[in-house]
N, C-alpha and C. Protein backbone atom coordinates (compact mmCIF):
# COMPACT_ATOMS: atom_id res chain seq x y z
N LEU A 1 62.46 180.58 30.71
CA LEU A 1 63.63 180.59 29.83
C LEU A 1 63.99 179.18 29.42
N SER A 2 64.41 179.03 28.17
CA SER A 2 64.91 177.76 27.68
C SER A 2 66.23 177.98 26.95
N LYS A 3 67.14 177.02 27.10
CA LYS A 3 68.43 177.09 26.42
C LYS A 3 68.92 175.68 26.13
N ARG A 4 69.29 175.45 24.86
CA ARG A 4 69.80 174.14 24.45
C ARG A 4 71.19 174.30 23.86
N TYR A 5 72.07 173.36 24.23
CA TYR A 5 73.39 173.26 23.61
C TYR A 5 73.44 171.94 22.85
N GLY A 6 73.20 171.97 21.56
CA GLY A 6 73.18 170.74 20.79
C GLY A 6 72.06 169.83 21.27
N SER A 7 72.44 168.63 21.74
CA SER A 7 71.44 167.68 22.24
C SER A 7 71.14 167.85 23.72
N VAL A 8 71.84 168.77 24.36
CA VAL A 8 71.67 168.97 25.80
C VAL A 8 70.72 170.13 26.06
N GLN A 9 69.63 169.86 26.77
CA GLN A 9 68.68 170.90 27.16
C GLN A 9 69.12 171.44 28.52
N ALA A 10 69.82 172.57 28.51
CA ALA A 10 70.38 173.11 29.76
C ALA A 10 69.31 173.77 30.62
N LEU A 11 68.39 174.49 29.99
CA LEU A 11 67.25 175.10 30.68
C LEU A 11 65.98 174.73 29.93
N ALA A 12 64.97 174.25 30.63
CA ALA A 12 63.72 173.84 30.00
C ALA A 12 62.57 174.60 30.63
N GLU A 13 62.20 175.73 30.02
CA GLU A 13 61.09 176.56 30.49
C GLU A 13 61.21 176.85 31.99
N VAL A 14 62.37 177.35 32.38
CA VAL A 14 62.64 177.66 33.78
C VAL A 14 61.91 178.94 34.20
N ASP A 15 61.27 178.90 35.33
CA ASP A 15 60.66 180.08 35.94
C ASP A 15 61.46 180.46 37.17
N PHE A 16 61.84 181.72 37.25
CA PHE A 16 62.66 182.17 38.38
C PHE A 16 62.26 183.59 38.72
N GLU A 17 62.04 183.83 40.01
CA GLU A 17 61.63 185.17 40.46
C GLU A 17 62.55 185.64 41.58
N LEU A 18 62.92 186.91 41.52
CA LEU A 18 63.79 187.51 42.53
C LEU A 18 63.18 188.82 42.98
N ARG A 19 63.04 188.96 44.28
CA ARG A 19 62.42 190.16 44.85
C ARG A 19 63.49 191.13 45.35
N ALA A 20 63.10 192.37 45.44
CA ALA A 20 64.02 193.40 45.94
C ALA A 20 64.33 193.15 47.41
N GLY A 21 65.60 193.26 47.76
CA GLY A 21 66.01 193.17 49.15
C GLY A 21 66.01 191.77 49.74
N GLU A 22 66.02 190.75 48.90
CA GLU A 22 66.03 189.39 49.44
C GLU A 22 67.27 188.63 48.98
N VAL A 23 67.58 187.57 49.73
CA VAL A 23 68.61 186.62 49.34
C VAL A 23 67.90 185.36 48.88
N MET A 24 68.00 185.07 47.59
CA MET A 24 67.41 183.87 47.02
C MET A 24 68.53 182.86 46.79
N ALA A 25 68.45 181.73 47.48
CA ALA A 25 69.43 180.67 47.27
C ALA A 25 69.02 179.85 46.05
N LEU A 26 69.95 179.63 45.15
CA LEU A 26 69.71 178.82 43.96
C LEU A 26 70.47 177.51 44.12
N LEU A 27 69.71 176.41 44.24
CA LEU A 27 70.29 175.12 44.54
C LEU A 27 69.98 174.12 43.44
N GLY A 28 70.76 173.05 43.42
CA GLY A 28 70.54 171.98 42.45
C GLY A 28 71.84 171.24 42.21
N GLU A 29 71.71 169.98 41.79
CA GLU A 29 72.91 169.19 41.55
C GLU A 29 73.66 169.70 40.33
N ASN A 30 74.87 169.27 40.17
CA ASN A 30 75.67 169.65 39.01
C ASN A 30 74.94 169.24 37.73
N GLY A 31 74.88 170.16 36.77
CA GLY A 31 74.19 169.87 35.52
C GLY A 31 72.72 170.23 35.53
N ALA A 32 72.24 170.79 36.64
CA ALA A 32 70.82 171.12 36.73
C ALA A 32 70.45 172.40 35.97
N GLY A 33 71.44 173.21 35.64
CA GLY A 33 71.17 174.43 34.88
C GLY A 33 71.46 175.72 35.62
N LYS A 34 72.00 175.64 36.83
CA LYS A 34 72.27 176.84 37.61
C LYS A 34 73.25 177.77 36.89
N SER A 35 74.35 177.20 36.42
CA SER A 35 75.37 178.01 35.76
C SER A 35 74.85 178.62 34.47
N THR A 36 74.01 177.89 33.76
CA THR A 36 73.44 178.43 32.53
C THR A 36 72.55 179.62 32.82
N LEU A 37 71.74 179.52 33.89
CA LEU A 37 70.89 180.65 34.26
C LEU A 37 71.74 181.87 34.62
N VAL A 38 72.82 181.65 35.37
CA VAL A 38 73.71 182.75 35.75
C VAL A 38 74.29 183.40 34.50
N LYS A 39 74.69 182.60 33.52
CA LYS A 39 75.25 183.14 32.28
C LYS A 39 74.20 183.93 31.50
N VAL A 40 72.96 183.46 31.51
CA VAL A 40 71.88 184.20 30.83
C VAL A 40 71.66 185.54 31.51
N LEU A 41 71.58 185.54 32.84
CA LEU A 41 71.30 186.78 33.57
C LEU A 41 72.47 187.77 33.48
N SER A 42 73.68 187.26 33.35
CA SER A 42 74.84 188.15 33.24
C SER A 42 75.14 188.55 31.81
N GLY A 43 74.31 188.09 30.88
CA GLY A 43 74.45 188.52 29.49
C GLY A 43 75.51 187.80 28.69
N LEU A 44 76.02 186.71 29.20
CA LEU A 44 77.04 185.95 28.47
C LEU A 44 76.43 184.97 27.48
N VAL A 45 75.19 184.57 27.74
CA VAL A 45 74.49 183.60 26.89
C VAL A 45 73.10 184.13 26.59
N GLU A 46 72.68 183.99 25.33
CA GLU A 46 71.33 184.41 24.94
C GLU A 46 70.39 183.21 24.99
N PRO A 47 69.27 183.31 25.71
CA PRO A 47 68.34 182.19 25.77
C PRO A 47 67.69 181.93 24.42
N ASP A 48 67.30 180.67 24.18
CA ASP A 48 66.63 180.32 22.93
C ASP A 48 65.20 180.87 22.89
N SER A 49 64.57 180.88 24.05
CA SER A 49 63.20 181.39 24.14
C SER A 49 62.92 181.82 25.57
N GLY A 50 61.81 182.53 25.74
CA GLY A 50 61.44 183.00 27.07
C GLY A 50 61.49 184.51 27.17
N ALA A 51 61.23 185.02 28.35
CA ALA A 51 61.20 186.46 28.58
C ALA A 51 61.80 186.79 29.94
N ILE A 52 62.44 187.94 30.01
CA ILE A 52 63.02 188.43 31.26
C ILE A 52 62.43 189.79 31.56
N GLU A 53 61.99 189.98 32.79
CA GLU A 53 61.46 191.28 33.21
C GLU A 53 62.25 191.80 34.40
N VAL A 54 62.54 193.07 34.37
CA VAL A 54 63.17 193.76 35.50
C VAL A 54 62.27 194.94 35.87
N ASP A 55 61.89 195.00 37.13
CA ASP A 55 60.96 196.03 37.60
C ASP A 55 59.65 196.02 36.81
N GLY A 56 59.22 194.82 36.42
CA GLY A 56 57.93 194.69 35.76
C GLY A 56 57.92 194.94 34.27
N GLY A 57 59.06 195.28 33.70
CA GLY A 57 59.12 195.57 32.27
C GLY A 57 60.04 194.61 31.55
N PRO A 58 59.74 194.30 30.28
CA PRO A 58 60.59 193.40 29.51
C PRO A 58 62.00 193.96 29.35
N THR A 59 62.99 193.09 29.54
CA THR A 59 64.38 193.53 29.52
C THR A 59 65.24 192.51 28.78
N ALA A 60 66.11 192.99 27.91
CA ALA A 60 67.08 192.13 27.24
C ALA A 60 68.41 192.24 27.99
N LEU A 61 68.96 191.12 28.39
CA LEU A 61 70.21 191.12 29.16
C LEU A 61 71.40 190.66 28.33
N TYR A 62 71.18 190.36 27.07
CA TYR A 62 72.26 189.93 26.19
C TYR A 62 72.49 191.00 25.13
N PRO A 63 73.76 191.40 24.88
CA PRO A 63 74.99 190.92 25.49
C PRO A 63 75.22 191.51 26.89
N SER A 64 76.40 191.26 27.44
CA SER A 64 76.68 191.59 28.84
C SER A 64 76.57 193.08 29.14
N ALA A 65 76.80 193.95 28.15
CA ALA A 65 76.67 195.38 28.39
C ALA A 65 75.25 195.74 28.80
N ARG A 66 74.26 195.05 28.24
CA ARG A 66 72.87 195.29 28.62
C ARG A 66 72.60 194.79 30.04
N SER A 67 73.19 193.68 30.37
CA SER A 67 73.03 193.14 31.72
C SER A 67 73.61 194.11 32.75
N GLN A 68 74.79 194.64 32.47
CA GLN A 68 75.40 195.60 33.39
C GLN A 68 74.57 196.86 33.50
N ALA A 69 74.02 197.31 32.37
CA ALA A 69 73.19 198.51 32.38
C ALA A 69 71.92 198.29 33.21
N ALA A 70 71.46 197.05 33.27
CA ALA A 70 70.27 196.73 34.06
C ALA A 70 70.60 196.55 35.54
N GLY A 71 71.89 196.64 35.89
CA GLY A 71 72.28 196.56 37.29
C GLY A 71 72.63 195.17 37.78
N VAL A 72 72.89 194.25 36.84
CA VAL A 72 73.23 192.87 37.21
C VAL A 72 74.75 192.72 37.28
N ALA A 73 75.23 192.01 38.30
CA ALA A 73 76.66 191.76 38.44
C ALA A 73 76.88 190.42 39.11
N VAL A 74 78.00 189.78 38.77
CA VAL A 74 78.30 188.44 39.27
C VAL A 74 79.62 188.43 40.03
N VAL A 75 79.61 187.77 41.18
CA VAL A 75 80.83 187.50 41.94
C VAL A 75 81.15 186.02 41.77
N HIS A 76 82.23 185.72 41.06
CA HIS A 76 82.60 184.33 40.78
C HIS A 76 83.56 183.81 41.84
N GLN A 77 83.80 182.49 41.79
CA GLN A 77 84.80 181.90 42.68
C GLN A 77 86.19 182.42 42.35
N GLU A 78 86.46 182.59 41.05
CA GLU A 78 87.78 183.05 40.62
C GLU A 78 87.86 184.57 40.75
N TYR A 79 88.98 185.05 41.23
CA TYR A 79 89.16 186.48 41.43
C TYR A 79 89.55 187.15 40.11
N SER A 80 88.99 188.32 39.88
CA SER A 80 89.30 189.06 38.65
C SER A 80 90.25 190.22 38.89
N SER A 81 90.67 190.39 40.13
CA SER A 81 91.59 191.48 40.46
C SER A 81 93.01 191.17 39.96
N VAL A 82 93.77 192.23 39.72
CA VAL A 82 95.17 192.09 39.30
C VAL A 82 96.05 192.16 40.55
N PRO A 83 96.75 191.07 40.88
CA PRO A 83 97.48 190.98 42.16
C PRO A 83 98.51 192.08 42.37
N THR A 84 99.19 192.52 41.29
CA THR A 84 100.28 193.48 41.46
C THR A 84 99.82 194.93 41.48
N MET A 85 98.52 195.17 41.27
CA MET A 85 97.98 196.52 41.37
C MET A 85 97.41 196.75 42.75
N THR A 86 97.21 198.00 43.11
CA THR A 86 96.69 198.31 44.43
C THR A 86 95.20 198.02 44.52
N VAL A 87 94.71 197.99 45.74
CA VAL A 87 93.28 197.79 45.97
C VAL A 87 92.47 198.89 45.29
N ALA A 88 92.90 200.14 45.45
CA ALA A 88 92.18 201.26 44.86
C ALA A 88 92.16 201.17 43.34
N GLU A 89 93.29 200.82 42.74
CA GLU A 89 93.37 200.70 41.29
C GLU A 89 92.45 199.60 40.77
N ASN A 90 92.37 198.51 41.50
CA ASN A 90 91.52 197.40 41.09
C ASN A 90 90.04 197.76 41.17
N LEU A 91 89.69 198.64 42.06
CA LEU A 91 88.29 199.02 42.20
C LEU A 91 87.75 199.68 40.93
N VAL A 92 88.60 200.40 40.23
CA VAL A 92 88.13 201.10 39.03
C VAL A 92 88.59 200.44 37.74
N LEU A 93 89.39 199.39 37.86
CA LEU A 93 89.91 198.72 36.68
C LEU A 93 88.78 198.12 35.84
N GLY A 94 88.71 198.52 34.57
CA GLY A 94 87.72 197.96 33.66
C GLY A 94 86.29 198.43 33.89
N GLN A 95 86.10 199.43 34.72
CA GLN A 95 84.75 199.90 35.02
C GLN A 95 84.35 200.96 34.00
N ALA A 96 83.24 200.71 33.33
CA ALA A 96 82.73 201.70 32.38
C ALA A 96 82.13 202.88 33.14
N GLY A 97 82.32 204.06 32.59
CA GLY A 97 81.69 205.24 33.16
C GLY A 97 82.41 205.83 34.36
N VAL A 98 83.60 205.33 34.68
CA VAL A 98 84.37 205.90 35.78
C VAL A 98 85.06 207.16 35.28
N SER A 99 84.75 208.28 35.90
CA SER A 99 85.23 209.56 35.40
C SER A 99 86.62 209.88 35.95
N ALA A 100 87.19 210.91 35.40
CA ALA A 100 88.51 211.35 35.84
C ALA A 100 88.47 211.88 37.27
N PHE A 101 87.27 212.04 37.82
CA PHE A 101 87.13 212.49 39.20
C PHE A 101 87.85 211.54 40.16
N TRP A 102 87.99 210.27 39.74
CA TRP A 102 88.67 209.30 40.59
C TRP A 102 90.18 209.53 40.64
N TRP A 103 90.74 210.19 39.64
CA TRP A 103 92.20 210.25 39.53
C TRP A 103 92.73 211.66 39.74
N PRO A 104 93.95 211.79 40.33
CA PRO A 104 94.58 210.77 41.16
C PRO A 104 94.27 210.97 42.64
N GLY A 105 94.09 212.24 43.03
CA GLY A 105 94.00 212.53 44.47
C GLY A 105 92.81 211.93 45.17
N SER A 106 91.66 211.86 44.49
CA SER A 106 90.45 211.40 45.16
C SER A 106 90.28 209.89 45.14
N LEU A 107 91.15 209.18 44.43
CA LEU A 107 90.97 207.74 44.27
C LEU A 107 90.96 207.00 45.60
N ASN A 108 91.95 207.26 46.44
CA ASN A 108 92.04 206.54 47.71
C ASN A 108 90.88 206.89 48.64
N ALA A 109 90.47 208.15 48.61
CA ALA A 109 89.35 208.56 49.47
C ALA A 109 88.06 207.86 49.06
N ARG A 110 87.79 207.80 47.74
CA ARG A 110 86.61 207.11 47.26
C ARG A 110 86.70 205.61 47.55
N ALA A 111 87.91 205.09 47.42
CA ALA A 111 88.11 203.66 47.67
C ALA A 111 87.82 203.30 49.12
N ARG A 112 88.20 204.16 50.04
CA ARG A 112 87.98 203.87 51.45
C ARG A 112 86.49 203.71 51.76
N LYS A 113 85.65 204.52 51.13
CA LYS A 113 84.21 204.42 51.36
C LYS A 113 83.67 203.10 50.85
N LEU A 114 84.13 202.67 49.68
CA LEU A 114 83.68 201.39 49.12
C LEU A 114 84.18 200.22 49.95
N LEU A 115 85.41 200.30 50.41
CA LEU A 115 85.96 199.23 51.23
C LEU A 115 85.21 199.11 52.56
N ALA A 116 84.85 200.25 53.14
CA ALA A 116 84.10 200.23 54.39
C ALA A 116 82.74 199.56 54.21
N ALA A 117 82.16 199.71 53.03
CA ALA A 117 80.83 199.14 52.76
C ALA A 117 80.85 197.62 52.75
N VAL A 118 82.02 197.03 52.55
CA VAL A 118 82.12 195.57 52.52
C VAL A 118 82.98 195.03 53.67
N GLY A 119 83.16 195.85 54.70
CA GLY A 119 83.88 195.39 55.88
C GLY A 119 85.38 195.38 55.74
N LEU A 120 85.91 196.15 54.80
CA LEU A 120 87.36 196.22 54.61
C LEU A 120 87.90 197.59 54.98
N ASP A 121 87.29 198.23 55.95
CA ASP A 121 87.73 199.57 56.35
C ASP A 121 89.14 199.56 56.95
N HIS A 122 89.63 198.38 57.35
CA HIS A 122 90.99 198.28 57.91
C HIS A 122 92.06 198.17 56.82
N VAL A 123 91.65 198.03 55.57
CA VAL A 123 92.59 197.84 54.47
C VAL A 123 92.98 199.18 53.87
N ASP A 124 94.27 199.40 53.73
CA ASP A 124 94.77 200.61 53.08
C ASP A 124 94.57 200.47 51.56
N PRO A 125 93.89 201.42 50.92
CA PRO A 125 93.64 201.32 49.47
C PRO A 125 94.92 201.24 48.65
N ARG A 126 96.04 201.65 49.21
CA ARG A 126 97.32 201.61 48.49
C ARG A 126 97.99 200.24 48.56
N THR A 127 97.37 199.31 49.30
CA THR A 127 97.94 197.97 49.45
C THR A 127 97.80 197.18 48.15
N GLU A 128 98.84 196.45 47.78
CA GLU A 128 98.74 195.59 46.60
C GLU A 128 97.85 194.40 46.92
N VAL A 129 97.03 194.00 45.95
CA VAL A 129 96.04 192.95 46.17
C VAL A 129 96.68 191.63 46.58
N GLU A 130 97.86 191.34 46.09
CA GLU A 130 98.52 190.08 46.41
C GLU A 130 98.83 189.94 47.90
N ARG A 131 98.76 191.02 48.65
CA ARG A 131 99.03 190.98 50.09
C ARG A 131 97.77 190.73 50.90
N LEU A 132 96.61 190.68 50.26
CA LEU A 132 95.35 190.46 50.97
C LEU A 132 95.14 188.97 51.26
N SER A 133 94.31 188.70 52.28
CA SER A 133 93.94 187.32 52.56
C SER A 133 92.91 186.85 51.53
N VAL A 134 92.60 185.58 51.52
CA VAL A 134 91.63 185.04 50.58
C VAL A 134 90.27 185.69 50.77
N ALA A 135 89.86 185.84 52.02
CA ALA A 135 88.56 186.46 52.30
C ALA A 135 88.54 187.92 51.88
N GLU A 136 89.64 188.63 52.12
CA GLU A 136 89.72 190.04 51.73
C GLU A 136 89.64 190.19 50.22
N LYS A 137 90.23 189.26 49.48
CA LYS A 137 90.15 189.30 48.02
C LYS A 137 88.70 189.09 47.56
N GLN A 138 87.98 188.21 48.24
CA GLN A 138 86.59 187.97 47.87
C GLN A 138 85.74 189.20 48.17
N LEU A 139 85.98 189.84 49.29
CA LEU A 139 85.24 191.05 49.63
C LEU A 139 85.59 192.19 48.67
N LEU A 140 86.82 192.22 48.19
CA LEU A 140 87.21 193.22 47.21
C LEU A 140 86.42 193.02 45.91
N GLU A 141 86.18 191.76 45.54
CA GLU A 141 85.37 191.48 44.35
C GLU A 141 83.97 192.09 44.50
N ILE A 142 83.43 192.00 45.70
CA ILE A 142 82.11 192.58 45.94
C ILE A 142 82.17 194.10 45.85
N ALA A 143 83.21 194.69 46.43
CA ALA A 143 83.36 196.14 46.39
C ALA A 143 83.46 196.65 44.96
N ARG A 144 84.09 195.88 44.09
CA ARG A 144 84.23 196.29 42.68
C ARG A 144 82.87 196.43 42.02
N LEU A 145 81.91 195.60 42.42
CA LEU A 145 80.57 195.68 41.84
C LEU A 145 79.83 196.92 42.33
N LEU A 146 80.17 197.36 43.52
CA LEU A 146 79.48 198.52 44.08
C LEU A 146 79.92 199.82 43.41
N VAL A 147 81.05 199.79 42.70
CA VAL A 147 81.51 200.98 41.99
C VAL A 147 80.45 201.43 40.99
N ARG A 148 79.85 200.46 40.30
CA ARG A 148 78.81 200.80 39.32
C ARG A 148 77.40 200.59 39.88
N ASP A 149 77.31 200.50 41.19
CA ASP A 149 76.02 200.49 41.88
C ASP A 149 75.12 199.36 41.39
N ALA A 150 75.67 198.16 41.25
CA ALA A 150 74.86 197.01 40.87
C ALA A 150 73.79 196.74 41.91
N ARG A 151 72.60 196.39 41.44
CA ARG A 151 71.49 196.16 42.38
C ARG A 151 70.97 194.74 42.35
N ILE A 152 71.42 193.95 41.39
CA ILE A 152 71.11 192.52 41.35
C ILE A 152 72.44 191.79 41.37
N LEU A 153 72.78 191.22 42.50
CA LEU A 153 74.09 190.62 42.69
C LEU A 153 73.96 189.10 42.70
N ILE A 154 74.76 188.44 41.88
CA ILE A 154 74.76 186.99 41.81
C ILE A 154 76.08 186.49 42.39
N PHE A 155 75.98 185.67 43.44
CA PHE A 155 77.16 185.10 44.08
C PHE A 155 77.23 183.63 43.72
N ASP A 156 78.24 183.26 42.92
CA ASP A 156 78.39 181.89 42.43
C ASP A 156 79.40 181.16 43.31
N GLU A 157 78.90 180.48 44.32
CA GLU A 157 79.72 179.74 45.28
C GLU A 157 80.89 180.58 45.80
N PRO A 158 80.60 181.72 46.41
CA PRO A 158 81.68 182.64 46.81
C PRO A 158 82.50 182.16 47.99
N THR A 159 82.02 181.16 48.74
CA THR A 159 82.75 180.73 49.94
C THR A 159 83.47 179.40 49.74
N ALA A 160 83.54 178.92 48.50
CA ALA A 160 84.09 177.59 48.25
C ALA A 160 85.52 177.44 48.75
N ALA A 161 86.31 178.52 48.70
CA ALA A 161 87.72 178.43 49.08
C ALA A 161 88.01 179.08 50.43
N LEU A 162 86.97 179.37 51.21
CA LEU A 162 87.16 180.10 52.46
C LEU A 162 87.05 179.21 53.69
N ALA A 163 87.75 179.60 54.74
CA ALA A 163 87.63 178.94 56.04
C ALA A 163 86.39 179.47 56.75
N ASP A 164 86.00 178.80 57.83
CA ASP A 164 84.75 179.15 58.51
C ASP A 164 84.70 180.61 58.95
N ARG A 165 85.78 181.12 59.54
CA ARG A 165 85.79 182.50 60.01
C ARG A 165 85.66 183.47 58.84
N GLU A 166 86.30 183.14 57.73
CA GLU A 166 86.23 184.00 56.55
C GLU A 166 84.82 183.97 55.94
N ILE A 167 84.18 182.80 55.99
CA ILE A 167 82.81 182.68 55.48
C ILE A 167 81.88 183.62 56.22
N GLU A 168 82.05 183.71 57.53
CA GLU A 168 81.21 184.59 58.35
C GLU A 168 81.29 186.03 57.86
N ARG A 169 82.47 186.46 57.51
CA ARG A 169 82.66 187.84 57.05
C ARG A 169 81.91 188.08 55.74
N VAL A 170 82.02 187.14 54.82
CA VAL A 170 81.37 187.30 53.52
C VAL A 170 79.85 187.26 53.67
N LEU A 171 79.33 186.32 54.47
CA LEU A 171 77.89 186.23 54.66
C LEU A 171 77.32 187.49 55.31
N ALA A 172 78.07 188.06 56.24
CA ALA A 172 77.61 189.28 56.91
C ALA A 172 77.48 190.43 55.91
N VAL A 173 78.43 190.53 54.99
CA VAL A 173 78.36 191.58 53.97
C VAL A 173 77.19 191.36 53.04
N ILE A 174 76.95 190.12 52.64
CA ILE A 174 75.83 189.82 51.74
C ILE A 174 74.50 190.17 52.40
N LYS A 175 74.35 189.84 53.65
CA LYS A 175 73.11 190.18 54.37
C LYS A 175 72.92 191.69 54.46
N ARG A 176 74.02 192.42 54.65
CA ARG A 176 73.92 193.87 54.73
C ARG A 176 73.53 194.47 53.38
N LEU A 177 74.05 193.91 52.29
CA LEU A 177 73.70 194.40 50.96
C LEU A 177 72.21 194.17 50.68
N ALA A 178 71.70 193.03 51.10
CA ALA A 178 70.27 192.76 50.92
C ALA A 178 69.44 193.72 51.76
N ALA A 179 69.90 194.03 52.95
CA ALA A 179 69.17 194.96 53.82
C ALA A 179 69.11 196.36 53.22
N GLU A 180 70.07 196.68 52.34
CA GLU A 180 70.08 197.98 51.66
C GLU A 180 69.11 198.01 50.48
N GLY A 181 68.48 196.86 50.18
CA GLY A 181 67.52 196.80 49.09
C GLY A 181 68.02 196.13 47.83
N ARG A 182 69.27 195.68 47.84
CA ARG A 182 69.79 194.96 46.68
C ARG A 182 69.24 193.53 46.67
N SER A 183 69.12 192.97 45.48
CA SER A 183 68.60 191.61 45.33
C SER A 183 69.77 190.66 45.13
N ILE A 184 69.76 189.55 45.86
CA ILE A 184 70.89 188.64 45.88
C ILE A 184 70.46 187.25 45.39
N ILE A 185 71.20 186.71 44.43
CA ILE A 185 71.08 185.30 44.05
C ILE A 185 72.32 184.61 44.59
N TYR A 186 72.12 183.60 45.44
CA TYR A 186 73.23 182.95 46.12
C TYR A 186 73.29 181.50 45.68
N VAL A 187 74.27 181.16 44.84
CA VAL A 187 74.44 179.80 44.34
C VAL A 187 75.43 179.07 45.23
N THR A 188 75.02 177.93 45.77
CA THR A 188 75.92 177.21 46.67
C THR A 188 75.48 175.75 46.77
N HIS A 189 76.42 174.91 47.22
CA HIS A 189 76.12 173.52 47.56
C HIS A 189 76.17 173.33 49.08
N ARG A 190 76.44 174.39 49.81
CA ARG A 190 76.59 174.30 51.25
C ARG A 190 75.27 174.65 51.94
N LEU A 191 74.53 173.64 52.34
CA LEU A 191 73.21 173.88 52.90
C LEU A 191 73.23 174.66 54.22
N PRO A 192 74.22 174.47 55.10
CA PRO A 192 74.23 175.29 56.32
C PRO A 192 74.21 176.79 56.01
N GLU A 193 74.91 177.21 54.95
CA GLU A 193 74.91 178.62 54.58
C GLU A 193 73.53 179.06 54.09
N VAL A 194 72.81 178.16 53.42
CA VAL A 194 71.47 178.47 52.94
C VAL A 194 70.56 178.81 54.10
N PHE A 195 70.59 177.99 55.14
CA PHE A 195 69.73 178.23 56.30
C PHE A 195 70.14 179.49 57.06
N ARG A 196 71.40 179.86 56.94
CA ARG A 196 71.89 181.06 57.61
C ARG A 196 71.46 182.34 56.91
N ILE A 197 71.44 182.33 55.58
CA ILE A 197 71.40 183.59 54.86
C ILE A 197 70.19 183.78 53.97
N ALA A 198 69.57 182.69 53.52
CA ALA A 198 68.55 182.80 52.48
C ALA A 198 67.16 183.15 53.02
N ASP A 199 66.46 184.02 52.29
CA ASP A 199 65.05 184.30 52.59
C ASP A 199 64.15 183.29 51.90
N ARG A 200 64.53 182.90 50.70
CA ARG A 200 63.80 181.89 49.95
C ARG A 200 64.80 181.01 49.21
N VAL A 201 64.30 179.90 48.66
CA VAL A 201 65.15 178.95 47.95
C VAL A 201 64.47 178.52 46.66
N THR A 202 65.23 178.49 45.57
CA THR A 202 64.78 177.89 44.32
C THR A 202 65.66 176.68 44.05
N VAL A 203 65.03 175.53 43.77
CA VAL A 203 65.77 174.30 43.51
C VAL A 203 65.57 173.89 42.05
N PHE A 204 66.66 173.71 41.34
CA PHE A 204 66.63 173.18 39.97
C PHE A 204 66.84 171.67 40.05
């Protein structure tokens, strides 16, 4: 893949491979092109040239609707949840293809299963998001991606604002998602986390 912004060559014939069920750490100094690759894979930016394959077949990931349809999802540092809404409401907020089956009686029951999958089984789905801890909010972001069964998960420095104990919780969930067969791209500047969680490393 290649991508240029004016005189700046953000990606120059980048080769990147991700296998099923692995955690691939994506490393590199600021300006190396990591964020641009994440934007390309999430369908926010169209590459100037190159090819993308998913499951061995050519795939277009731009615009973002195509990326989502291909099972790609991103967990950013910034939270996208609405603080004054409940955990259960946030799980389905903005999700395409969520049927009326979620509303109203079954919403909390379905939410509990998703929360349990990311280690939040102790959280009441009726709780407002603003009452959650920082780590719980990050895990909720992951749970939101599981609503649409994303299978290629990109974590863009998800532990930047977390304390050590909270980091452990997030890393444990990521490892469990990979064990289920999902593919993980883990972008970070924290090398200790790389040695803890990554199966392979790509350096830009």
